[in-house]
Every structure is written in structure tokens, then in C-alpha cells.
Amino acid sequence: MTEPSSGGLLREVARLYTRAQRVVADCCHTTNTQCHLLTELGRSGPLPLSELGTRVSLEKSWVSRAVEAMAARGLVTKEPNPSDARSWLVTLTAEGGRTVRELNQTLDDHAQRLLSSLNASERDAVENSLLTLLKALRDDPAATCCLPPEPKAPPRDSKPCC
């Protein structure tokens, strides 16, 4: 058998890691769709329903059903958007925030266990490679097409506004 290409290797790592994370987390006792939406809201804060769907690349009907189910469980609220009366604003509740923090801790613990099986040199190499890959992904239009631009840091020599 031949060694996989870099693309094949990356896809296989992503596939196995995603599978392991789903098993370990039991996805916060929600559907995978709800889990993606909860974690996105945890990362970004309140979002209009349509933007939430765009960020996770899901159709409006899927997002709408998932948000309704999460609202029924008390994980999110769905209220008229004060900035646009034609849309809904989705916000994590305190219980939703707790669920996201618990999920993130579970996933972080799993990653730590996985990396702890490597020696220090291997772990450093993996972490450096992941940082390099993260930078490349953040610069890739295909990976960032549905996300708002990152806020720009002020120039170092700029004076404070006050």
C-alpha cells in the first residue's frame, strides 16, 4: 500500500479526529447540527439566524428547526433582531453557555490525552505544524468565505483615542 498524499493524510486526520471528538463529547446530548450551532454561538456571541446558518454552512430550514429545538430545551433564545425587524437574533442562555463550556472542556481534555501519547519533541512538532496550518487556513478564502473579517489591530504607533 502506498503512503497517502498530503491532502489524503490531512483529510484522514480530520475525519478520524472529528469522529473521535463526536464519540468523546457525545455532542452535548444534542444533534450534530445543534452542537455546531451552540459552539458557533459560543465563539461569536448572539447572531442573526441567517448569519448563524451561513457560518456553519447549513440551510435555513435546518438551522431554524435546530434553533427551535434548542430554545425548547432552554439552551438559546430566539428574539426579534433589534437591528433588523425582519430577522431573528439567536443568543445562548446561561444553560447554553454552560453546555458550550462543558463541551469545550471535554474536547480539550480529549485533545490533551491524545497529544500526551506523544513524546515532548513530537508534541512540539505537532503543535507547531497545527499553528502553521491554522495560519494557512485563516488566509485561505475557501476556509473563511462565510465569516466576517477579523478585526484589525490598531497600528502599534497609533495614539489612544482618549
C-alpha atoms as a PDB file:
ATOM      1  CA  MET A   1       0.000   0.000   0.000  1.00  0.00           C
ATOM      2  CA  THR A   2       1.295   3.469  -0.857  1.00  0.00           C
ATOM      3  CA  GLU A   3       1.530   6.369   1.557  1.00  0.00           C
ATOM      4  CA  PRO A   4      -1.365   8.841   1.256  1.00  0.00           C
ATOM      5  CA  SER A   5      -0.808  12.243  -0.326  1.00  0.00           C
ATOM      6  CA  SER A   6      -0.624  15.290   1.930  1.00  0.00           C
ATOM      7  CA  GLY A   7      -4.252  16.066   1.061  1.00  0.00           C
ATOM      8  CA  GLY A   8      -5.326  12.496   1.770  1.00  0.00           C
ATOM      9  CA  LEU A   9      -3.401  12.480   5.032  1.00  0.00           C
ATOM     10  CA  LEU A  10      -4.975  15.741   6.170  1.00  0.00           C
ATOM     11  CA  ARG A  11      -8.482  14.517   5.256  1.00  0.00           C
ATOM     12  CA  GLU A  12      -7.912  11.242   7.117  1.00  0.00           C
ATOM     13  CA  VAL A  13      -6.632  13.044  10.233  1.00  0.00           C
ATOM     14  CA  ALA A  14      -9.610  15.440  10.126  1.00  0.00           C
ATOM     15  CA  ARG A  15     -12.068  12.555   9.607  1.00  0.00           C
ATOM     16  CA  LEU A  16     -10.718  10.415  12.449  1.00  0.00           C
ATOM     17  CA  TYR A  17     -10.293  13.356  14.818  1.00  0.00           C
ATOM     18  CA  THR A  18     -13.849  14.569  14.147  1.00  0.00           C
ATOM     19  CA  ARG A  19     -15.209  11.060  14.715  1.00  0.00           C
ATOM     20  CA  ALA A  20     -13.274  10.694  17.978  1.00  0.00           C
ATOM     21  CA  GLN A  21     -14.423  14.106  19.206  1.00  0.00           C
ATOM     22  CA  ARG A  22     -18.067  13.229  18.482  1.00  0.00           C
ATOM     23  CA  VAL A  23     -17.746   9.976  20.421  1.00  0.00           C
ATOM     24  CA  VAL A  24     -15.903  11.554  23.354  1.00  0.00           C
ATOM     25  CA  ALA A  25     -18.230  14.545  23.651  1.00  0.00           C
ATOM     26  CA  ASP A  26     -21.447  12.711  22.907  1.00  0.00           C
ATOM     27  CA  CYS A  27     -22.051  16.114  21.346  1.00  0.00           C
ATOM     28  CA  CYS A  28     -23.568  17.706  24.463  1.00  0.00           C
ATOM     29  CA  HIS A  29     -26.617  15.434  24.232  1.00  0.00           C
ATOM     30  CA  THR A  30     -27.742  17.263  21.116  1.00  0.00           C
ATOM     31  CA  THR A  31     -27.743  16.554  17.412  1.00  0.00           C
ATOM     32  CA  ASN A  32     -24.551  17.309  15.494  1.00  0.00           C
ATOM     33  CA  THR A  33     -26.318  20.293  13.921  1.00  0.00           C
ATOM     34  CA  GLN A  34     -27.254  21.700  17.322  1.00  0.00           C
ATOM     35  CA  CYS A  35     -23.728  21.102  18.578  1.00  0.00           C
ATOM     36  CA  HIS A  36     -22.252  23.086  15.654  1.00  0.00           C
ATOM     37  CA  LEU A  37     -24.697  25.929  16.263  1.00  0.00           C
ATOM     38  CA  LEU A  38     -24.041  26.027  20.008  1.00  0.00           C
ATOM     39  CA  THR A  39     -20.280  26.133  19.572  1.00  0.00           C
ATOM     40  CA  GLU A  40     -20.545  28.851  16.910  1.00  0.00           C
ATOM     41  CA  LEU A  41     -22.711  30.954  19.231  1.00  0.00           C
ATOM     42  CA  GLY A  42     -20.171  30.328  21.991  1.00  0.00           C
ATOM     43  CA  ARG A  43     -17.387  31.593  19.713  1.00  0.00           C
ATOM     44  CA  SER A  44     -19.180  34.584  18.235  1.00  0.00           C
ATOM     45  CA  GLY A  45     -21.927  35.644  20.628  1.00  0.00           C
ATOM     46  CA  PRO A  46     -25.502  36.420  19.532  1.00  0.00           C
ATOM     47  CA  LEU A  47     -26.125  36.116  15.784  1.00  0.00           C
ATOM     48  CA  PRO A  48     -28.992  36.645  13.401  1.00  0.00           C
ATOM     49  CA  LEU A  49     -30.463  33.265  12.416  1.00  0.00           C
ATOM     50  CA  SER A  50     -29.386  33.668   8.784  1.00  0.00           C
ATOM     51  CA  GLU A  51     -25.780  34.543   9.685  1.00  0.00           C
ATOM     52  CA  LEU A  52     -25.617  31.605  12.075  1.00  0.00           C
ATOM     53  CA  GLY A  53     -26.595  29.292   9.216  1.00  0.00           C
ATOM     54  CA  THR A  54     -24.068  30.900   6.884  1.00  0.00           C
ATOM     55  CA  ARG A  55     -21.245  30.486   9.388  1.00  0.00           C
ATOM     56  CA  VAL A  56     -21.861  26.758   9.763  1.00  0.00           C
ATOM     57  CA  SER A  57     -22.799  26.238   6.093  1.00  0.00           C
ATOM     58  CA  LEU A  58     -26.295  24.925   6.780  1.00  0.00           C
ATOM     59  CA  GLU A  59     -29.585  25.645   5.055  1.00  0.00           C
ATOM     60  CA  LYS A  60     -32.043  27.969   6.778  1.00  0.00           C
ATOM     61  CA  SER A  61     -34.593  25.191   7.379  1.00  0.00           C
ATOM     62  CA  TRP A  62     -32.043  23.020   9.222  1.00  0.00           C
ATOM     63  CA  VAL A  63     -30.901  25.946  11.339  1.00  0.00           C
ATOM     64  CA  SER A  64     -34.443  27.059  12.103  1.00  0.00           C
ATOM     65  CA  ARG A  65     -35.521  23.586  13.290  1.00  0.00           C
ATOM     66  CA  ALA A  66     -32.371  23.152  15.362  1.00  0.00           C
ATOM     67  CA  VAL A  67     -32.767  26.577  16.981  1.00  0.00           C
ATOM     68  CA  GLU A  68     -36.407  25.833  17.832  1.00  0.00           C
ATOM     69  CA  ALA A  69     -35.376  22.555  19.496  1.00  0.00           C
ATOM     70  CA  MET A  70     -32.561  24.260  21.425  1.00  0.00           C
ATOM     71  CA  ALA A  71     -34.903  27.054  22.532  1.00  0.00           C
ATOM     72  CA  ALA A  72     -37.366  24.423  23.797  1.00  0.00           C
ATOM     73  CA  ARG A  73     -34.532  22.931  25.887  1.00  0.00           C
ATOM     74  CA  GLY A  74     -33.563  26.355  27.246  1.00  0.00           C
ATOM     75  CA  LEU A  75     -30.159  26.457  25.525  1.00  0.00           C
ATOM     76  CA  VAL A  76     -30.839  29.520  23.360  1.00  0.00           C
ATOM     77  CA  THR A  77     -33.311  32.327  22.990  1.00  0.00           C
ATOM     78  CA  LYS A  78     -34.722  33.466  19.666  1.00  0.00           C
ATOM     79  CA  GLU A  79     -35.995  37.031  19.664  1.00  0.00           C
ATOM     80  CA  PRO A  80     -36.732  39.680  17.059  1.00  0.00           C
ATOM     81  CA  ASN A  81     -33.478  41.274  15.938  1.00  0.00           C
ATOM     82  CA  PRO A  82     -33.379  44.883  17.195  1.00  0.00           C
ATOM     83  CA  SER A  83     -31.150  45.787  14.211  1.00  0.00           C
ATOM     84  CA  ASP A  84     -33.445  44.213  11.595  1.00  0.00           C
ATOM     85  CA  ALA A  85     -37.110  43.614  12.352  1.00  0.00           C
ATOM     86  CA  ARG A  86     -37.297  41.034   9.540  1.00  0.00           C
ATOM     87  CA  SER A  87     -34.845  38.657  11.214  1.00  0.00           C
ATOM     88  CA  TRP A  88     -34.356  36.721  14.450  1.00  0.00           C
ATOM     89  CA  LEU A  89     -31.459  37.046  16.871  1.00  0.00           C
ATOM     90  CA  VAL A  90     -30.221  33.807  18.467  1.00  0.00           C
ATOM     91  CA  THR A  91     -28.473  34.063  21.841  1.00  0.00           C
ATOM     92  CA  LEU A  92     -27.076  31.453  24.213  1.00  0.00           C
ATOM     93  CA  THR A  93     -28.835  31.253  27.562  1.00  0.00           C
ATOM     94  CA  ALA A  94     -26.888  30.674  30.775  1.00  0.00           C
ATOM     95  CA  GLU A  95     -27.626  26.938  30.359  1.00  0.00           C
ATOM     96  CA  GLY A  96     -26.468  27.076  26.732  1.00  0.00           C
ATOM     97  CA  GLY A  97     -23.248  28.799  27.786  1.00  0.00           C
ATOM     98  CA  ARG A  98     -22.675  26.140  30.453  1.00  0.00           C
ATOM     99  CA  THR A  99     -23.252  23.426  27.843  1.00  0.00           C
ATOM    100  CA  VAL A 100     -20.737  25.020  25.460  1.00  0.00           C
ATOM    101  CA  ARG A 101     -18.124  25.393  28.224  1.00  0.00           C
ATOM    102  CA  GLU A 102     -18.641  21.750  29.258  1.00  0.00           C
ATOM    103  CA  LEU A 103     -18.346  20.616  25.662  1.00  0.00           C
ATOM    104  CA  ASN A 104     -15.182  22.659  25.071  1.00  0.00           C
ATOM    105  CA  GLN A 105     -13.602  21.298  28.268  1.00  0.00           C
ATOM    106  CA  THR A 106     -14.437  17.716  27.273  1.00  0.00           C
ATOM    107  CA  LEU A 107     -12.969  18.229  23.794  1.00  0.00           C
ATOM    108  CA  ASP A 108      -9.865  19.976  25.183  1.00  0.00           C
ATOM    109  CA  ASP A 109      -9.319  17.109  27.650  1.00  0.00           C
ATOM    110  CA  HIS A 110      -9.582  14.596  24.800  1.00  0.00           C
ATOM    111  CA  ALA A 111      -7.038  16.537  22.737  1.00  0.00           C
ATOM    112  CA  GLN A 112      -4.683  16.652  25.740  1.00  0.00           C
ATOM    113  CA  ARG A 113      -4.965  12.880  26.217  1.00  0.00           C
ATOM    114  CA  LEU A 114      -4.297  12.327  22.529  1.00  0.00           C
ATOM    115  CA  LEU A 115      -1.247  14.617  22.497  1.00  0.00           C
ATOM    116  CA  SER A 116       0.069  13.177  25.778  1.00  0.00           C
ATOM    117  CA  SER A 117       0.689   9.896  23.957  1.00  0.00           C
ATOM    118  CA  LEU A 118       3.473  11.692  22.059  1.00  0.00           C
ATOM    119  CA  ASN A 119       6.903  12.481  23.434  1.00  0.00           C
ATOM    120  CA  ALA A 120       7.771  16.156  24.058  1.00  0.00           C
ATOM    121  CA  SER A 121       9.572  16.575  20.735  1.00  0.00           C
ATOM    122  CA  GLU A 122       6.700  15.037  18.753  1.00  0.00           C
ATOM    123  CA  ARG A 123       4.150  17.116  20.662  1.00  0.00           C
ATOM    124  CA  ASP A 124       6.091  20.328  19.920  1.00  0.00           C
ATOM    125  CA  ALA A 125       6.315  19.375  16.246  1.00  0.00           C
ATOM    126  CA  VAL A 126       2.569  18.665  16.042  1.00  0.00           C
ATOM    127  CA  GLU A 127       1.666  21.899  17.825  1.00  0.00           C
ATOM    128  CA  ASN A 128       3.975  23.943  15.546  1.00  0.00           C
ATOM    129  CA  SER A 129       2.514  22.230  12.495  1.00  0.00           C
ATOM    130  CA  LEU A 130      -1.028  22.921  13.695  1.00  0.00           C
ATOM    131  CA  LEU A 131      -0.211  26.624  14.195  1.00  0.00           C
ATOM    132  CA  THR A 132       1.242  26.774  10.679  1.00  0.00           C
ATOM    133  CA  LEU A 133      -1.820  25.017   9.246  1.00  0.00           C
ATOM    134  CA  LEU A 134      -4.159  27.321  11.187  1.00  0.00           C
ATOM    135  CA  LYS A 135      -2.417  30.375   9.712  1.00  0.00           C
ATOM    136  CA  ALA A 136      -2.726  28.917   6.206  1.00  0.00           C
ATOM    137  CA  LEU A 137      -6.424  28.173   6.746  1.00  0.00           C
ATOM    138  CA  ARG A 138      -7.107  31.670   8.060  1.00  0.00           C
ATOM    139  CA  ASP A 139      -5.510  33.040   4.873  1.00  0.00           C
ATOM    140  CA  ASP A 140      -7.498  30.666   2.620  1.00  0.00           C
ATOM    141  CA  PRO A 141     -10.616  32.253   1.083  1.00  0.00           C
ATOM    142  CA  ALA A 142     -12.317  28.835   0.896  1.00  0.00           C
ATOM    143  CA  ALA A 143     -11.985  28.396   4.681  1.00  0.00           C
ATOM    144  CA  THR A 144     -13.132  31.914   5.533  1.00  0.00           C
ATOM    145  CA  CYS A 145     -15.736  32.610   2.853  1.00  0.00           C
ATOM    146  CA  CYS A 146     -18.693  32.671   5.247  1.00  0.00           C
ATOM    147  CA  LEU A 147     -17.068  34.501   8.138  1.00  0.00           C
ATOM    148  CA  PRO A 148     -16.893  38.221   8.862  1.00  0.00           C
ATOM    149  CA  PRO A 149     -13.384  39.686   8.586  1.00  0.00           C
ATOM    150  CA  GLU A 150     -11.182  39.504  11.658  1.00  0.00           C
ATOM    151  CA  PRO A 151     -10.976  42.865  13.451  1.00  0.00           C
ATOM    152  CA  LYS A 152      -7.780  44.667  12.541  1.00  0.00           C
ATOM    153  CA  ALA A 153      -5.420  45.551  15.384  1.00  0.00           C
ATOM    154  CA  PRO A 154      -4.580  49.267  15.543  1.00  0.00           C
ATOM    155  CA  PRO A 155      -1.109  50.171  14.270  1.00  0.00           C
ATOM    156  CA  ARG A 156       1.484  49.972  17.017  1.00  0.00           C
ATOM    157  CA  ASP A 157       2.367  53.642  16.758  1.00  0.00           C
ATOM    158  CA  SER A 158      -1.240  54.845  16.928  1.00  0.00           C
ATOM    159  CA  LYS A 159      -2.208  57.133  19.753  1.00  0.00           C
ATOM    160  CA  PRO A 160      -5.082  56.232  22.065  1.00  0.00           C
ATOM    161  CA  CYS A 161      -8.387  57.811  21.158  1.00  0.00           C
ATOM    162  CA  CYS A 162      -8.937  59.333  24.591  1.00  0.00           C
END
